[in-house]
Amino acid sequence: MKNAIFREGEAAIALYILEFGQVTVWAQADQQVTAKRLQTLGAGSFVGEMEFFLNTAHQTTAIADIPSTIYQMTQTALTHMQTENPQGAIAFQKAMNQLMAERLSQAYQEINQLLD
């Protein structure tokens, strides 16, 4: 059985870092019977970062498709990093900003394709 990392509607208590394995992110609109695959991520990917930084509930469900090694970073751990290793925290934030900008750009491209 595949393991859920988080489910739609759950509080975003952490962001997740996929060291090894594969995770698929699913979304289900109100009227849909089945979920739609949004993306499949591999090693080195981050999952759940948007809701983590916005402090909102998850809008999607993330499932580990195969045995995976996944780490979580909580708000407490992020605060600790900012205090104990400010330069590391700055580098981490820059990486998160880059990732979210890339994902937003990809979303814009997908919207444009749908409108064509």
PDB file of N, CA and C in Angstrom:
ATOM      1  N   MET A   1       0.836  -1.188   0.000  1.00  0.00           N
ATOM      2  CA  MET A   1       0.000   0.000   0.000  1.00  0.00           C
ATOM      3  C   MET A   1       0.877   1.246   0.000  1.00  0.00           C
ATOM      4  N   LYS A   2       0.489   2.223  -0.773  1.00  0.00           N
ATOM      5  CA  LYS A   2       1.251   3.458  -0.866  1.00  0.00           C
ATOM      6  C   LYS A   2       0.998   4.311   0.366  1.00  0.00           C
ATOM      7  N   ASN A   3       2.020   5.066   0.754  1.00  0.00           N
ATOM      8  CA  ASN A   3       1.947   5.855   1.974  1.00  0.00           C
ATOM      9  C   ASN A   3       1.701   7.325   1.673  1.00  0.00           C
ATOM     10  N   ALA A   4       0.714   7.904   2.346  1.00  0.00           N
ATOM     11  CA  ALA A   4       0.444   9.334   2.212  1.00  0.00           C
ATOM     12  C   ALA A   4       1.422  10.104   3.090  1.00  0.00           C
ATOM     13  N   ILE A   5       2.045  11.101   2.501  1.00  0.00           N
ATOM     14  CA  ILE A   5       2.908  12.005   3.256  1.00  0.00           C
ATOM     15  C   ILE A   5       2.008  13.038   3.926  1.00  0.00           C
ATOM     16  N   PHE A   6       1.056  13.547   3.152  1.00  0.00           N
ATOM     17  CA  PHE A   6       0.010  14.412   3.686  1.00  0.00           C
ATOM     18  C   PHE A   6      -1.194  14.291   2.777  1.00  0.00           C
ATOM     19  N   ARG A   7      -2.347  14.688   3.300  1.00  0.00           N
ATOM     20  CA  ARG A   7      -3.596  14.631   2.540  1.00  0.00           C
ATOM     21  C   ARG A   7      -4.220  16.014   2.446  1.00  0.00           C
ATOM     22  N   GLU A   8      -4.962  16.199   1.383  1.00  0.00           N
ATOM     23  CA  GLU A   8      -5.682  17.453   1.181  1.00  0.00           C
ATOM     24  C   GLU A   8      -6.522  17.767   2.414  1.00  0.00           C
ATOM     25  N   GLY A   9      -6.440  19.017   2.869  1.00  0.00           N
ATOM     26  CA  GLY A   9      -7.208  19.454   4.022  1.00  0.00           C
ATOM     27  C   GLY A   9      -6.470  19.369   5.345  1.00  0.00           C
ATOM     28  N   GLU A  10      -5.391  18.593   5.409  1.00  0.00           N
ATOM     29  CA  GLU A  10      -4.616  18.496   6.644  1.00  0.00           C
ATOM     30  C   GLU A  10      -3.775  19.756   6.838  1.00  0.00           C
ATOM     31  N   ALA A  11      -3.511  20.086   8.085  1.00  0.00           N
ATOM     32  CA  ALA A  11      -2.639  21.221   8.397  1.00  0.00           C
ATOM     33  C   ALA A  11      -1.229  20.928   7.888  1.00  0.00           C
ATOM     34  N   ALA A  12      -0.586  21.951   7.347  1.00  0.00           N
ATOM     35  CA  ALA A  12       0.779  21.811   6.846  1.00  0.00           C
ATOM     36  C   ALA A  12       1.747  22.011   8.004  1.00  0.00           C
ATOM     37  N   ILE A  13       2.118  20.933   8.642  1.00  0.00           N
ATOM     38  CA  ILE A  13       2.987  21.009   9.818  1.00  0.00           C
ATOM     39  C   ILE A  13       4.463  20.995   9.448  1.00  0.00           C
ATOM     40  N   ALA A  14       4.780  20.682   8.190  1.00  0.00           N
ATOM     41  CA  ALA A  14       6.175  20.593   7.757  1.00  0.00           C
ATOM     42  C   ALA A  14       6.245  20.700   6.240  1.00  0.00           C
ATOM     43  N   LEU A  15       7.441  20.947   5.740  1.00  0.00           N
ATOM     44  CA  LEU A  15       7.698  20.745   4.322  1.00  0.00           C
ATOM     45  C   LEU A  15       8.557  19.495   4.241  1.00  0.00           C
ATOM     46  N   TYR A  16       8.517  18.813   3.124  1.00  0.00           N
ATOM     47  CA  TYR A  16       9.125  17.496   3.009  1.00  0.00           C
ATOM     48  C   TYR A  16      10.190  17.507   1.934  1.00  0.00           C
ATOM     49  N   ILE A  17      11.298  16.848   2.241  1.00  0.00           N
ATOM     50  CA  ILE A  17      12.444  16.782   1.341  1.00  0.00           C
ATOM     51  C   ILE A  17      12.642  15.320   0.976  1.00  0.00           C
ATOM     52  N   LEU A  18      12.564  15.031  -0.312  1.00  0.00           N
ATOM     53  CA  LEU A  18      12.666  13.664  -0.811  1.00  0.00           C
ATOM     54  C   LEU A  18      14.129  13.352  -1.137  1.00  0.00           C
ATOM     55  N   GLU A  19      14.754  12.540  -0.289  1.00  0.00           N
ATOM     56  CA  GLU A  19      16.142  12.162  -0.537  1.00  0.00           C
ATOM     57  C   GLU A  19      16.229  11.043  -1.572  1.00  0.00           C
ATOM     58  N   PHE A  20      15.335  10.079  -1.446  1.00  0.00           N
ATOM     59  CA  PHE A  20      15.344   8.909  -2.313  1.00  0.00           C
ATOM     60  C   PHE A  20      13.911   8.449  -2.504  1.00  0.00           C
ATOM     61  N   GLY A  21      13.577   8.012  -3.711  1.00  0.00           N
ATOM     62  CA  GLY A  21      12.254   7.463  -3.970  1.00  0.00           C
ATOM     63  C   GLY A  21      11.456   8.302  -4.953  1.00  0.00           C
ATOM     64  N   GLN A  22      10.144   8.217  -4.818  1.00  0.00           N
ATOM     65  CA  GLN A  22       9.248   8.922  -5.741  1.00  0.00           C
ATOM     66  C   GLN A  22       7.940   9.264  -5.037  1.00  0.00           C
ATOM     67  N   VAL A  23       7.494  10.497  -5.252  1.00  0.00           N
ATOM     68  CA  VAL A  23       6.251  10.981  -4.656  1.00  0.00           C
ATOM     69  C   VAL A  23       5.386  11.562  -5.763  1.00  0.00           C
ATOM     70  N   THR A  24       4.098  11.231  -5.753  1.00  0.00           N
ATOM     71  CA  THR A  24       3.161  11.823  -6.694  1.00  0.00           C
ATOM     72  C   THR A  24       2.206  12.715  -5.919  1.00  0.00           C
ATOM     73  N   VAL A  25       1.965  13.899  -6.484  1.00  0.00           N
ATOM     74  CA  VAL A  25       1.060  14.875  -5.890  1.00  0.00           C
ATOM     75  C   VAL A  25      -0.251  14.825  -6.664  1.00  0.00           C
ATOM     76  N   TRP A  26      -1.358  14.698  -5.937  1.00  0.00           N
ATOM     77  CA  TRP A  26      -2.691  14.542  -6.509  1.00  0.00           C
ATOM     78  C   TRP A  26      -3.603  15.675  -6.050  1.00  0.00           C
ATOM     79  N   ALA A  27      -4.548  16.051  -6.903  1.00  0.00           N
ATOM     80  CA  ALA A  27      -5.563  17.044  -6.532  1.00  0.00           C
ATOM     81  C   ALA A  27      -6.928  16.505  -6.915  1.00  0.00           C
ATOM     82  N   GLN A  28      -7.913  16.895  -6.141  1.00  0.00           N
ATOM     83  CA  GLN A  28      -9.275  16.458  -6.411  1.00  0.00           C
ATOM     84  C   GLN A  28     -10.206  17.654  -6.279  1.00  0.00           C
ATOM     85  N   ALA A  29     -10.798  18.047  -7.392  1.00  0.00           N
ATOM     86  CA  ALA A  29     -11.767  19.147  -7.375  1.00  0.00           C
ATOM     87  C   ALA A  29     -13.050  18.672  -6.697  1.00  0.00           C
ATOM     88  N   ASP A  30     -13.845  19.601  -6.242  1.00  0.00           N
ATOM     89  CA  ASP A  30     -15.057  19.281  -5.488  1.00  0.00           C
ATOM     90  C   ASP A  30     -15.971  18.284  -6.179  1.00  0.00           C
ATOM     91  N   GLN A  31     -16.146  18.414  -7.464  1.00  0.00           N
ATOM     92  CA  GLN A  31     -17.102  17.570  -8.183  1.00  0.00           C
ATOM     93  C   GLN A  31     -16.476  16.312  -8.786  1.00  0.00           C
ATOM     94  N   GLN A  32     -15.159  16.151  -8.671  1.00  0.00           N
ATOM     95  CA  GLN A  32     -14.493  15.003  -9.274  1.00  0.00           C
ATOM     96  C   GLN A  32     -14.622  13.764  -8.402  1.00  0.00           C
ATOM     97  N   VAL A  33     -14.782  12.628  -9.064  1.00  0.00           N
ATOM     98  CA  VAL A  33     -14.824  11.353  -8.349  1.00  0.00           C
ATOM     99  C   VAL A  33     -13.404  10.857  -8.113  1.00  0.00           C
ATOM    100  N   THR A  34     -12.530  11.033  -9.098  1.00  0.00           N
ATOM    101  CA  THR A  34     -11.150  10.578  -8.969  1.00  0.00           C
ATOM    102  C   THR A  34     -10.199  11.772  -8.948  1.00  0.00           C
ATOM    103  N   ALA A  35      -9.073  11.570  -8.300  1.00  0.00           N
ATOM    104  CA  ALA A  35      -8.053  12.610  -8.214  1.00  0.00           C
ATOM    105  C   ALA A  35      -7.269  12.679  -9.519  1.00  0.00           C
ATOM    106  N   LYS A  36      -6.694  13.835  -9.784  1.00  0.00           N
ATOM    107  CA  LYS A  36      -5.854  14.059 -10.961  1.00  0.00           C
ATOM    108  C   LYS A  36      -4.408  14.184 -10.518  1.00  0.00           C
ATOM    109  N   ARG A  37      -3.531  13.518 -11.258  1.00  0.00           N
ATOM    110  CA  ARG A  37      -2.097  13.614 -10.963  1.00  0.00           C
ATOM    111  C   ARG A  37      -1.600  14.981 -11.404  1.00  0.00           C
ATOM    112  N   LEU A  38      -0.962  15.703 -10.487  1.00  0.00           N
ATOM    113  CA  LEU A  38      -0.395  17.003 -10.814  1.00  0.00           C
ATOM    114  C   LEU A  38       1.070  16.890 -11.209  1.00  0.00           C
ATOM    115  N   GLN A  39       1.821  16.120 -10.428  1.00  0.00           N
ATOM    116  CA  GLN A  39       3.240  15.939 -10.737  1.00  0.00           C
ATOM    117  C   GLN A  39       3.781  14.745  -9.976  1.00  0.00           C
ATOM    118  N   THR A  40       4.840  14.179 -10.525  1.00  0.00           N
ATOM    119  CA  THR A  40       5.573  13.111  -9.860  1.00  0.00           C
ATOM    120  C   THR A  40       6.987  13.620  -9.651  1.00  0.00           C
ATOM    121  N   LEU A  41       7.455  13.497  -8.424  1.00  0.00           N
ATOM    122  CA  LEU A  41       8.740  14.062  -8.024  1.00  0.00           C
ATOM    123  C   LEU A  41       9.707  12.968  -7.619  1.00  0.00           C
ATOM    124  N   GLY A  42      10.989  13.226  -7.863  1.00  0.00           N
ATOM    125  CA  GLY A  42      12.031  12.272  -7.507  1.00  0.00           C
ATOM    126  C   GLY A  42      12.993  12.840  -6.484  1.00  0.00           C
ATOM    127  N   ALA A  43      14.109  12.149  -6.335  1.00  0.00           N
ATOM    128  CA  ALA A  43      15.127  12.520  -5.348  1.00  0.00           C
ATOM    129  C   ALA A  43      15.522  13.988  -5.492  1.00  0.00           C
ATOM    130  N   GLY A  44      15.675  14.645  -4.347  1.00  0.00           N
ATOM    131  CA  GLY A  44      16.075  16.042  -4.319  1.00  0.00           C
ATOM    132  C   GLY A  44      14.918  17.023  -4.374  1.00  0.00           C
ATOM    133  N   SER A  45      13.710  16.527  -4.453  1.00  0.00           N
ATOM    134  CA  SER A  45      12.531  17.395  -4.562  1.00  0.00           C
ATOM    135  C   SER A  45      12.000  17.792  -3.191  1.00  0.00           C
ATOM    136  N   PHE A  46      11.288  18.908  -3.189  1.00  0.00           N
ATOM    137  CA  PHE A  46      10.577  19.384  -2.015  1.00  0.00           C
ATOM    138  C   PHE A  46       9.092  19.229  -2.267  1.00  0.00           C
ATOM    139  N   VAL A  47       8.342  18.917  -1.227  1.00  0.00           N
ATOM    140  CA  VAL A  47       6.902  18.720  -1.340  1.00  0.00           C
ATOM    141  C   VAL A  47       6.216  19.448  -0.184  1.00  0.00           C
ATOM    142  N   GLY A  48       5.118  20.134  -0.488  1.00  0.00           N
ATOM    143  CA  GLY A  48       4.322  20.777   0.546  1.00  0.00           C
ATOM    144  C   GLY A  48       4.863  22.112   1.024  1.00  0.00           C
ATOM    145  N   GLU A  49       5.780  22.686   0.254  1.00  0.00           N
ATOM    146  CA  GLU A  49       6.425  23.920   0.709  1.00  0.00           C
ATOM    147  C   GLU A  49       5.496  25.133   0.676  1.00  0.00           C
ATOM    148  N   MET A  50       4.603  25.206  -0.299  1.00  0.00           N
ATOM    149  CA  MET A  50       3.743  26.383  -0.406  1.00  0.00           C
ATOM    150  C   MET A  50       2.847  26.522   0.828  1.00  0.00           C
ATOM    151  N   GLU A  51       2.159  25.456   1.186  1.00  0.00           N
ATOM    152  CA  GLU A  51       1.265  25.501   2.347  1.00  0.00           C
ATOM    153  C   GLU A  51       2.050  25.691   3.639  1.00  0.00           C
ATOM    154  N   PHE A  52       3.249  25.117   3.687  1.00  0.00           N
ATOM    155  CA  PHE A  52       4.110  25.272   4.865  1.00  0.00           C
ATOM    156  C   PHE A  52       4.424  26.746   5.103  1.00  0.00           C
ATOM    157  N   PHE A  53       4.847  27.442   4.052  1.00  0.00           N
ATOM    158  CA  PHE A  53       5.216  28.844   4.218  1.00  0.00           C
ATOM    159  C   PHE A  53       3.995  29.756   4.356  1.00  0.00           C
ATOM    160  N   LEU A  54       2.862  29.352   3.802  1.00  0.00           N
ATOM    161  CA  LEU A  54       1.634  30.143   3.949  1.00  0.00           C
ATOM    162  C   LEU A  54       0.878  29.814   5.230  1.00  0.00           C
ATOM    163  N   ASN A  55       1.291  28.727   5.898  1.00  0.00           N
ATOM    164  CA  ASN A  55       0.631  28.264   7.116  1.00  0.00           C
ATOM    165  C   ASN A  55      -0.852  27.991   6.875  1.00  0.00           C
ATOM    166  N   THR A  56      -1.105  27.225   5.800  1.00  0.00           N
ATOM    167  CA  THR A  56      -2.466  26.859   5.439  1.00  0.00           C
ATOM    168  C   THR A  56      -2.591  25.337   5.354  1.00  0.00           C
ATOM    169  N   ALA A  57      -3.788  24.872   5.165  1.00  0.00           N
ATOM    170  CA  ALA A  57      -4.017  23.434   4.972  1.00  0.00           C
ATOM    171  C   ALA A  57      -3.535  23.028   3.577  1.00  0.00           C
ATOM    172  N   HIS A  58      -3.167  21.770   3.452  1.00  0.00           N
ATOM    173  CA  HIS A  58      -2.724  21.252   2.156  1.00  0.00           C
ATOM    174  C   HIS A  58      -3.871  21.279   1.147  1.00  0.00           C
ATOM    175  N   GLN A  59      -3.571  21.699  -0.053  1.00  0.00           N
ATOM    176  CA  GLN A  59      -4.539  21.733  -1.146  1.00  0.00           C
ATOM    177  C   GLN A  59      -4.468  20.473  -1.997  1.00  0.00           C
ATOM    178  N   THR A  60      -3.477  19.635  -1.722  1.00  0.00           N
ATOM    179  CA  THR A  60      -3.242  18.427  -2.492  1.00  0.00           C
ATOM    180  C   THR A  60      -2.951  17.268  -1.546  1.00  0.00           C
ATOM    181  N   THR A  61      -2.805  16.089  -2.131  1.00  0.00           N
ATOM    182  CA  THR A  61      -2.381  14.898  -1.406  1.00  0.00           C
ATOM    183  C   THR A  61      -1.077  14.423  -2.021  1.00  0.00           C
ATOM    184  N   ALA A  62      -0.101  14.085  -1.184  1.00  0.00           N
ATOM    185  CA  ALA A  62       1.187  13.585  -1.667  1.00  0.00           C
ATOM    186  C   ALA A  62       1.345  12.134  -1.208  1.00  0.00           C
ATOM    187  N   ILE A  63       1.635  11.267  -2.166  1.00  0.00           N
ATOM    188  CA  ILE A  63       1.743   9.832  -1.908  1.00  0.00           C
ATOM    189  C   ILE A  63       3.130   9.346  -2.314  1.00  0.00           C
ATOM    190  N   ALA A  64       3.795   8.608  -1.427  1.00  0.00           N
ATOM    191  CA  ALA A  64       5.053   7.943  -1.782  1.00  0.00           C
ATOM    192  C   ALA A  64       4.698   6.712  -2.604  1.00  0.00           C
ATOM    193  N   ASP A  65       5.108   6.712  -3.867  1.00  0.00           N
ATOM    194  CA  ASP A  65       4.754   5.631  -4.790  1.00  0.00           C
ATOM    195  C   ASP A  65       5.575   4.369  -4.571  1.00  0.00           C
ATOM    196  N   ILE A  66       6.791   4.557  -4.115  1.00  0.00           N
ATOM    197  CA  ILE A  66       7.713   3.449  -3.866  1.00  0.00           C
ATOM    198  C   ILE A  66       8.383   3.717  -2.518  1.00  0.00           C
ATOM    199  N   PRO A  67       9.074   2.725  -1.954  1.00  0.00           N
ATOM    200  CA  PRO A  67       9.792   3.005  -0.707  1.00  0.00           C
ATOM    201  C   PRO A  67      10.694   4.226  -0.899  1.00  0.00           C
ATOM    202  N   SER A  68      10.567   5.187  -0.005  1.00  0.00           N
ATOM    203  CA  SER A  68      11.247   6.471  -0.153  1.00  0.00           C
ATOM    204  C   SER A  68      11.831   6.922   1.172  1.00  0.00           C
ATOM    205  N   THR A  69      12.889   7.712   1.085  1.00  0.00           N
ATOM    206  CA  THR A  69      13.453   8.363   2.258  1.00  0.00           C
ATOM    207  C   THR A  69      13.054   9.825   2.181  1.00  0.00           C
ATOM    208  N   ILE A  70      12.264  10.257   3.155  1.00  0.00           N
ATOM    209  CA  ILE A  70      11.698  11.609   3.145  1.00  0.00           C
ATOM    210  C   ILE A  70      11.958  12.243   4.503  1.00  0.00           C
ATOM    211  N   TYR A  71      12.504  13.447   4.463  1.00  0.00           N
ATOM    212  CA  TYR A  71      12.739  14.206   5.689  1.00  0.00           C
ATOM    213  C   TYR A  71      11.703  15.307   5.780  1.00  0.00           C
ATOM    214  N   GLN A  72      11.408  15.721   6.986  1.00  0.00           N
ATOM    215  CA  GLN A  72      10.489  16.839   7.157  1.00  0.00           C
ATOM    216  C   GLN A  72      11.183  17.969   7.902  1.00  0.00           C
ATOM    217  N   MET A  73      10.849  19.186   7.506  1.00  0.00           N
ATOM    218  CA  MET A  73      11.333  20.365   8.215  1.00  0.00           C
ATOM    219  C   MET A  73      10.126  21.072   8.799  1.00  0.00           C
ATOM    220  N   THR A  74      10.082  21.144  10.108  1.00  0.00           N
ATOM    221  CA  THR A  74       8.998  21.821  10.815  1.00  0.00           C
ATOM    222  C   THR A  74       9.346  23.300  10.991  1.00  0.00           C
ATOM    223  N   GLN A  75       8.370  24.085  11.431  1.00  0.00           N
ATOM    224  CA  GLN A  75       8.632  25.491  11.732  1.00  0.00           C
ATOM    225  C   GLN A  75       9.689  25.613  12.835  1.00  0.00           C
ATOM    226  N   THR A  76       9.633  24.727  13.809  1.00  0.00           N
ATOM    227  CA  THR A  76      10.619  24.742  14.892  1.00  0.00           C
ATOM    228  C   THR A  76      12.024  24.509  14.344  1.00  0.00           C
ATOM    229  N   ALA A  77      12.164  23.539  13.440  1.00  0.00           N
ATOM    230  CA  ALA A  77      13.475  23.258  12.857  1.00  0.00           C
ATOM    231  C   ALA A  77      13.962  24.434  12.005  1.00  0.00           C
ATOM    232  N   LEU A  78      13.055  25.063  11.270  1.00  0.00           N
ATOM    233  CA  LEU A  78      13.430  26.220  10.459  1.00  0.00           C
ATOM    234  C   LEU A  78      13.885  27.374  11.351  1.00  0.00           C
ATOM    235  N   THR A  79      13.171  27.626  12.424  1.00  0.00           N
ATOM    236  CA  THR A  79      13.560  28.680  13.371  1.00  0.00           C
ATOM    237  C   THR A  79      14.921  28.374  13.984  1.00  0.00           C
ATOM    238  N   HIS A  80      15.140  27.113  14.324  1.00  0.00           N
ATOM    239  CA  HIS A  80      16.433  26.696  14.878  1.00  0.00           C
ATOM    240  C   HIS A  80      17.550  26.956  13.859  1.00  0.00           C
ATOM    241  N   MET A  81      17.319  26.602  12.604  1.00  0.00           N
ATOM    242  CA  MET A  81      18.319  26.840  11.562  1.00  0.00           C
ATOM    243  C   MET A  81      18.619  28.332  11.439  1.00  0.00           C
ATOM    244  N   GLN A  82      17.568  29.147  11.466  1.00  0.00           N
ATOM    245  CA  GLN A  82      17.753  30.591  11.336  1.00  0.00           C
ATOM    246  C   GLN A  82      18.591  31.150  12.483  1.00  0.00           C
ATOM    247  N   THR A  83      18.427  30.584  13.672  1.00  0.00           N
ATOM    248  CA  THR A  83      19.170  31.045  14.842  1.00  0.00           C
ATOM    249  C   THR A  83      20.598  30.510  14.857  1.00  0.00           C
ATOM    250  N   GLU A  84      20.738  29.216  14.611  1.00  0.00           N
ATOM    251  CA  GLU A  84      22.037  28.547  14.737  1.00  0.00           C
ATOM    252  C   GLU A  84      22.906  28.637  13.489  1.00  0.00           C
ATOM    253  N   ASN A  85      22.297  28.769  12.332  1.00  0.00           N
ATOM    254  CA  ASN A  85      23.055  28.796  11.081  1.00  0.00           C
ATOM    255  C   ASN A  85      22.396  29.780  10.116  1.00  0.00           C
ATOM    256  N   PRO A  86      22.526  31.075  10.400  1.00  0.00           N
ATOM    257  CA  PRO A  86      21.842  32.076   9.562  1.00  0.00           C
ATOM    258  C   PRO A  86      22.214  31.991   8.079  1.00  0.00           C
ATOM    259  N   GLN A  87      23.476  31.741   7.780  1.00  0.00           N
ATOM    260  CA  GLN A  87      23.891  31.651   6.370  1.00  0.00           C
ATOM    261  C   GLN A  87      23.252  30.445   5.690  1.00  0.00           C
ATOM    262  N   GLY A  88      23.159  29.345   6.410  1.00  0.00           N
ATOM    263  CA  GLY A  88      22.483  28.166   5.871  1.00  0.00           C
ATOM    264  C   GLY A  88      21.005  28.434   5.649  1.00  0.00           C
ATOM    265  N   ALA A  89      20.394  29.170   6.586  1.00  0.00           N
ATOM    266  CA  ALA A  89      18.974  29.512   6.465  1.00  0.00           C
ATOM    267  C   ALA A  89      18.740  30.421   5.265  1.00  0.00           C
ATOM    268  N   ILE A  90      19.659  31.361   5.018  1.00  0.00           N
ATOM    269  CA  ILE A  90      19.538  32.248   3.857  1.00  0.00           C
ATOM    270  C   ILE A  90      19.646  31.438   2.570  1.00  0.00           C
ATOM    271  N   ALA A  91      20.602  30.526   2.518  1.00  0.00           N
ATOM    272  CA  ALA A  91      20.754  29.676   1.331  1.00  0.00           C
ATOM    273  C   ALA A  91      19.506  28.819   1.115  1.00  0.00           C
ATOM    274  N   PHE A  92      18.958  28.298   2.202  1.00  0.00           N
ATOM    275  CA  PHE A  92      17.744  27.487   2.110  1.00  0.00           C
ATOM    276  C   PHE A  92      16.582  28.329   1.578  1.00  0.00           C
ATOM    277  N   GLN A  93      16.406  29.543   2.106  1.00  0.00           N
ATOM    278  CA  GLN A  93      15.329  30.430   1.636  1.00  0.00           C
ATOM    279  C   GLN A  93      15.488  30.765   0.161  1.00  0.00           C
ATOM    280  N   LYS A  94      16.731  31.010  -0.267  1.00  0.00           N
ATOM    281  CA  LYS A  94      16.972  31.295  -1.686  1.00  0.00           C
ATOM    282  C   LYS A  94      16.564  30.102  -2.545  1.00  0.00           C
ATOM    283  N   ALA A  95      16.898  28.907  -2.098  1.00  0.00           N
ATOM    284  CA  ALA A  95      16.517  27.700  -2.838  1.00  0.00           C
ATOM    285  C   ALA A  95      14.997  27.556  -2.886  1.00  0.00           C
ATOM    286  N   MET A  96      14.328  27.850  -1.778  1.00  0.00           N
ATOM    287  CA  MET A  96      12.870  27.776  -1.738  1.00  0.00           C
ATOM    288  C   MET A  96      12.246  28.824  -2.661  1.00  0.00           C
ATOM    289  N   ASN A  97      12.786  30.029  -2.657  1.00  0.00           N
ATOM    290  CA  ASN A  97      12.275  31.082  -3.549  1.00  0.00           C
ATOM    291  C   ASN A  97      12.427  30.667  -5.007  1.00  0.00           C
ATOM    292  N   GLN A  98      13.564  30.108  -5.361  1.00  0.00           N
ATOM    293  CA  GLN A  98      13.817  29.650  -6.728  1.00  0.00           C
ATOM    294  C   GLN A  98      12.833  28.549  -7.104  1.00  0.00           C
ATOM    295  N   LEU A  99      12.658  27.590  -6.214  1.00  0.00           N
ATOM    296  CA  LEU A  99      11.745  26.477  -6.477  1.00  0.00           C
ATOM    297  C   LEU A  99      10.323  26.977  -6.694  1.00  0.00           C
ATOM    298  N   MET A 100       9.847  27.851  -5.817  1.00  0.00           N
ATOM    299  CA  MET A 100       8.469  28.326  -5.946  1.00  0.00           C
ATOM    300  C   MET A 100       8.295  29.191  -7.188  1.00  0.00           C
ATOM    301  N   ALA A 101       9.315  29.951  -7.555  1.00  0.00           N
ATOM    302  CA  ALA A 101       9.253  30.740  -8.788  1.00  0.00           C
ATOM    303  C   ALA A 101       9.180  29.825 -10.004  1.00  0.00           C
ATOM    304  N   GLU A 102       9.957  28.754 -10.010  1.00  0.00           N
ATOM    305  CA  GLU A 102       9.930  27.797 -11.119  1.00  0.00           C
ATOM    306  C   GLU A 102       8.568  27.119 -11.221  1.00  0.00           C
ATOM    307  N   ARG A 103       8.009  26.739 -10.089  1.00  0.00           N
ATOM    308  CA  ARG A 103       6.696  26.082 -10.102  1.00  0.00           C
ATOM    309  C   ARG A 103       5.596  27.041 -10.544  1.00  0.00           C
ATOM    310  N   LEU A 104       5.695  28.303 -10.154  1.00  0.00           N
ATOM    311  CA  LEU A 104       4.726  29.295 -10.604  1.00  0.00           C
ATOM    312  C   LEU A 104       4.845  29.520 -12.101  1.00  0.00           C
ATOM    313  N   SER A 105       6.061  29.590 -12.604  1.00  0.00           N
ATOM    314  CA  SER A 105       6.281  29.747 -14.040  1.00  0.00           C
ATOM    315  C   SER A 105       5.703  28.557 -14.809  1.00  0.00           C
ATOM    316  N   GLN A 106       5.909  27.359 -14.293  1.00  0.00           N
ATOM    317  CA  GLN A 106       5.351  26.163 -14.918  1.00  0.00           C
ATOM    318  C   GLN A 106       3.825  26.210 -14.914  1.00  0.00           C
ATOM    319  N   ALA A 107       3.234  26.662 -13.821  1.00  0.00           N
ATOM    320  CA  ALA A 107       1.774  26.773 -13.739  1.00  0.00           C
ATOM    321  C   ALA A 107       1.256  27.764 -14.779  1.00  0.00           C
ATOM    322  N   TYR A 108       1.958  28.897 -14.944  1.00  0.00           N
ATOM    323  CA  TYR A 108       1.553  29.866 -15.969  1.00  0.00           C
ATOM    324  C   TYR A 108       1.598  29.242 -17.364  1.00  0.00           C
ATOM    325  N   GLN A 109       2.645  28.477 -17.644  1.00  0.00           N
ATOM    326  CA  GLN A 109       2.759  27.813 -18.942  1.00  0.00           C
ATOM    327  C   GLN A 109       1.609  26.828 -19.161  1.00  0.00           C
ATOM    328  N   GLU A 110       1.254  26.078 -18.147  1.00  0.00           N
ATOM    329  CA  GLU A 110       0.160  25.125 -18.257  1.00  0.00           C
ATOM    330  C   GLU A 110      -1.162  25.842 -18.462  1.00  0.00           C
ATOM    331  N   ILE A 111      -1.380  26.954 -17.781  1.00  0.00           N
ATOM    332  CA  ILE A 111      -2.609  27.739 -17.975  1.00  0.00           C
ATOM    333  C   ILE A 111      -2.682  28.267 -19.398  1.00  0.00           C
ATOM    334  N   ASN A 112      -1.562  28.781 -19.898  1.00  0.00           N
ATOM    335  CA  ASN A 112      -1.540  29.279 -21.270  1.00  0.00           C
ATOM    336  C   ASN A 112      -1.848  28.188 -22.274  1.00  0.00           C
ATOM    337  N   GLN A 113      -1.343  26.983 -22.046  1.00  0.00           N
ATOM    338  CA  GLN A 113      -1.640  25.853 -22.941  1.00  0.00           C
ATOM    339  C   GLN A 113      -3.118  25.515 -22.916  1.00  0.00           C
ATOM    340  N   LEU A 114      -3.724  25.574 -21.744  1.00  0.00           N
ATOM    341  CA  LEU A 114      -5.148  25.278 -21.631  1.00  0.00           C
ATOM    342  C   LEU A 114      -6.005  26.334 -22.331  1.00  0.00           C
ATOM    343  N   LEU A 115      -5.524  27.572 -22.345  1.00  0.00           N
ATOM    344  CA  LEU A 115      -6.276  28.670 -22.967  1.00  0.00           C
ATOM    345  C   LEU A 115      -6.114  28.719 -24.472  1.00  0.00           C
ATOM    346  N   ASP A 116      -5.090  28.068 -25.001  1.00  0.00           N
ATOM    347  CA  ASP A 116      -4.881  28.066 -26.461  1.00  0.00           C
ATOM    348  C   ASP A 116      -5.907  27.231 -27.180  1.00  0.00           C
TER     349      ASP A 116
END
